């Protein structure tokens, strides 16, 4: 799952959506 998160972060880096997606990913992976 880390690879997918990294790809998303690269695409959304510097955008508000990137932070939102990052938070959701962390919640899903942690849970």
PDB file of N, CA and C in Angstrom:
ATOM      1  N   UNK A   1       0.818  -1.211   0.000  1.00  0.00           N
ATOM      2  CA  UNK A   1       0.000   0.000   0.000  1.00  0.00           C
ATOM      3  C   UNK A   1       0.850   1.258   0.000  1.00  0.00           C
ATOM      4  N   UNK A   2       2.070   1.153   0.507  1.00  0.00           N
ATOM      5  CA  UNK A   2       2.928   2.343   0.558  1.00  0.00           C
ATOM      6  C   UNK A   2       3.223   2.855  -0.847  1.00  0.00           C
ATOM      7  N   UNK A   3       3.450   1.968  -1.808  1.00  0.00           N
ATOM      8  CA  UNK A   3       3.757   2.399  -3.177  1.00  0.00           C
ATOM      9  C   UNK A   3       2.616   3.248  -3.721  1.00  0.00           C
ATOM     10  N   UNK A   4       1.364   2.797  -3.531  1.00  0.00           N
ATOM     11  CA  UNK A   4       0.226   3.559  -4.037  1.00  0.00           C
ATOM     12  C   UNK A   4       0.189   4.941  -3.382  1.00  0.00           C
ATOM     13  N   UNK A   5       0.403   5.000  -2.073  1.00  0.00           N
ATOM     14  CA  UNK A   5       0.357   6.277  -1.375  1.00  0.00           C
ATOM     15  C   UNK A   5       1.424   7.212  -1.931  1.00  0.00           C
ATOM     16  N   UNK A   6       2.618   6.692  -2.178  1.00  0.00           N
ATOM     17  CA  UNK A   6       3.699   7.523  -2.710  1.00  0.00           C
ATOM     18  C   UNK A   6       3.320   8.077  -4.074  1.00  0.00           C
ATOM     19  N   UNK A   7       2.724   7.251  -4.939  1.00  0.00           N
ATOM     20  CA  UNK A   7       2.332   7.719  -6.273  1.00  0.00           C
ATOM     21  C   UNK A   7       1.309   8.837  -6.147  1.00  0.00           C
ATOM     22  N   UNK A   8       0.324   8.651  -5.274  1.00  0.00           N
ATOM     23  CA  UNK A   8      -0.706   9.679  -5.096  1.00  0.00           C
ATOM     24  C   UNK A   8      -0.076  10.962  -4.582  1.00  0.00           C
ATOM     25  N   UNK A   9       0.829  10.840  -3.601  1.00  0.00           N
ATOM     26  CA  UNK A   9       1.466  12.034  -3.032  1.00  0.00           C
ATOM     27  C   UNK A   9       2.240  12.777  -4.116  1.00  0.00           C
ATOM     28  N   UNK A  10       2.922  12.048  -4.991  1.00  0.00           N
ATOM     29  CA  UNK A  10       3.688  12.691  -6.064  1.00  0.00           C
ATOM     30  C   UNK A  10       2.749  13.452  -6.993  1.00  0.00           C
ATOM     31  N   UNK A  11       1.612  12.867  -7.315  1.00  0.00           N
ATOM     32  CA  UNK A  11       0.677  13.522  -8.245  1.00  0.00           C
ATOM     33  C   UNK A  11      -0.002  14.712  -7.585  1.00  0.00           C
ATOM     34  N   UNK A  12      -0.357  14.561  -6.297  1.00  0.00           N
ATOM     35  CA  UNK A  12      -1.123  15.613  -5.615  1.00  0.00           C
ATOM     36  C   UNK A  12      -0.254  16.540  -4.777  1.00  0.00           C
ATOM     37  N   UNK A  13       1.087  16.366  -4.855  1.00  0.00           N
ATOM     38  CA  UNK A  13       1.956  17.201  -4.009  1.00  0.00           C
ATOM     39  C   UNK A  13       1.720  18.679  -4.293  1.00  0.00           C
ATOM     40  N   UNK A  14       1.650  19.479  -3.233  1.00  0.00           N
ATOM     41  CA  UNK A  14       1.465  20.918  -3.393  1.00  0.00           C
ATOM     42  C   UNK A  14       0.013  21.298  -3.616  1.00  0.00           C
ATOM     43  N   UNK A  15      -0.914  20.361  -3.418  1.00  0.00           N
ATOM     44  CA  UNK A  15      -2.326  20.684  -3.610  1.00  0.00           C
ATOM     45  C   UNK A  15      -3.103  20.354  -2.340  1.00  0.00           C
ATOM     46  N   UNK A  16      -4.251  20.985  -2.164  1.00  0.00           N
ATOM     47  CA  UNK A  16      -5.064  20.723  -0.976  1.00  0.00           C
ATOM     48  C   UNK A  16      -5.554  19.287  -0.982  1.00  0.00           C
ATOM     49  N   UNK A  17      -5.932  18.778  -2.171  1.00  0.00           N
ATOM     50  CA  UNK A  17      -6.439  17.413  -2.268  1.00  0.00           C
ATOM     51  C   UNK A  17      -5.380  16.428  -1.776  1.00  0.00           C
ATOM     52  N   UNK A  18      -4.096  16.711  -2.052  1.00  0.00           N
ATOM     53  CA  UNK A  18      -3.003  15.830  -1.636  1.00  0.00           C
ATOM     54  C   UNK A  18      -3.066  15.623  -0.126  1.00  0.00           C
ATOM     55  N   UNK A  19      -3.225  16.715   0.624  1.00  0.00           N
ATOM     56  CA  UNK A  19      -3.280  16.599   2.084  1.00  0.00           C
ATOM     57  C   UNK A  19      -4.499  15.782   2.501  1.00  0.00           C
ATOM     58  N   UNK A  20      -5.650  16.051   1.885  1.00  0.00           N
ATOM     59  CA  UNK A  20      -6.875  15.318   2.227  1.00  0.00           C
ATOM     60  C   UNK A  20      -6.692  13.837   1.956  1.00  0.00           C
ATOM     61  N   UNK A  21      -6.193  13.492   0.750  1.00  0.00           N
ATOM     62  CA  UNK A  21      -6.002  12.080   0.386  1.00  0.00           C
ATOM     63  C   UNK A  21      -4.981  11.445   1.323  1.00  0.00           C
ATOM     64  N   UNK A  22      -3.920  12.190   1.645  1.00  0.00           N
ATOM     65  CA  UNK A  22      -2.866  11.658   2.511  1.00  0.00           C
ATOM     66  C   UNK A  22      -3.451  11.292   3.873  1.00  0.00           C
ATOM     67  N   UNK A  23      -4.280  12.176   4.435  1.00  0.00           N
ATOM     68  CA  UNK A  23      -4.891  11.903   5.736  1.00  0.00           C
ATOM     69  C   UNK A  23      -5.763  10.660   5.653  1.00  0.00           C
ATOM     70  N   UNK A  24      -6.584  10.554   4.603  1.00  0.00           N
ATOM     71  CA  UNK A  24      -7.473   9.398   4.439  1.00  0.00           C
ATOM     72  C   UNK A  24      -6.642   8.126   4.319  1.00  0.00           C
ATOM     73  N   UNK A  25      -5.570   8.173   3.510  1.00  0.00           N
ATOM     74  CA  UNK A  25      -4.714   6.996   3.335  1.00  0.00           C
ATOM     75  C   UNK A  25      -4.124   6.570   4.672  1.00  0.00           C
ATOM     76  N   UNK A  26      -3.606   7.531   5.433  1.00  0.00           N
ATOM     77  CA  UNK A  26      -2.998   7.194   6.719  1.00  0.00           C
ATOM     78  C   UNK A  26      -4.029   6.544   7.634  1.00  0.00           C
ATOM     79  N   UNK A  27      -5.238   7.102   7.685  1.00  0.00           N
ATOM     80  CA  UNK A  27      -6.287   6.535   8.537  1.00  0.00           C
ATOM     81  C   UNK A  27      -6.577   5.103   8.125  1.00  0.00           C
ATOM     82  N   UNK A  28      -6.719   4.862   6.812  1.00  0.00           N
ATOM     83  CA  UNK A  28      -7.040   3.516   6.334  1.00  0.00           C
ATOM     84  C   UNK A  28      -5.901   2.557   6.636  1.00  0.00           C
ATOM     85  N   UNK A  29      -4.665   2.957   6.328  1.00  0.00           N
ATOM     86  CA  UNK A  29      -3.518   2.058   6.541  1.00  0.00           C
ATOM     87  C   UNK A  29      -3.306   1.797   8.032  1.00  0.00           C
ATOM     88  N   UNK A  30      -3.428   2.849   8.859  1.00  0.00           N
ATOM     89  CA  UNK A  30      -3.232   2.658  10.302  1.00  0.00           C
ATOM     90  C   UNK A  30      -4.314   1.737  10.859  1.00  0.00           C
ATOM     91  N   UNK A  31      -5.564   1.971  10.483  1.00  0.00           N
ATOM     92  CA  UNK A  31      -6.667   1.141  10.978  1.00  0.00           C
ATOM     93  C   UNK A  31      -6.591  -0.221  10.309  1.00  0.00           C
TER      94      UNK A  31
END
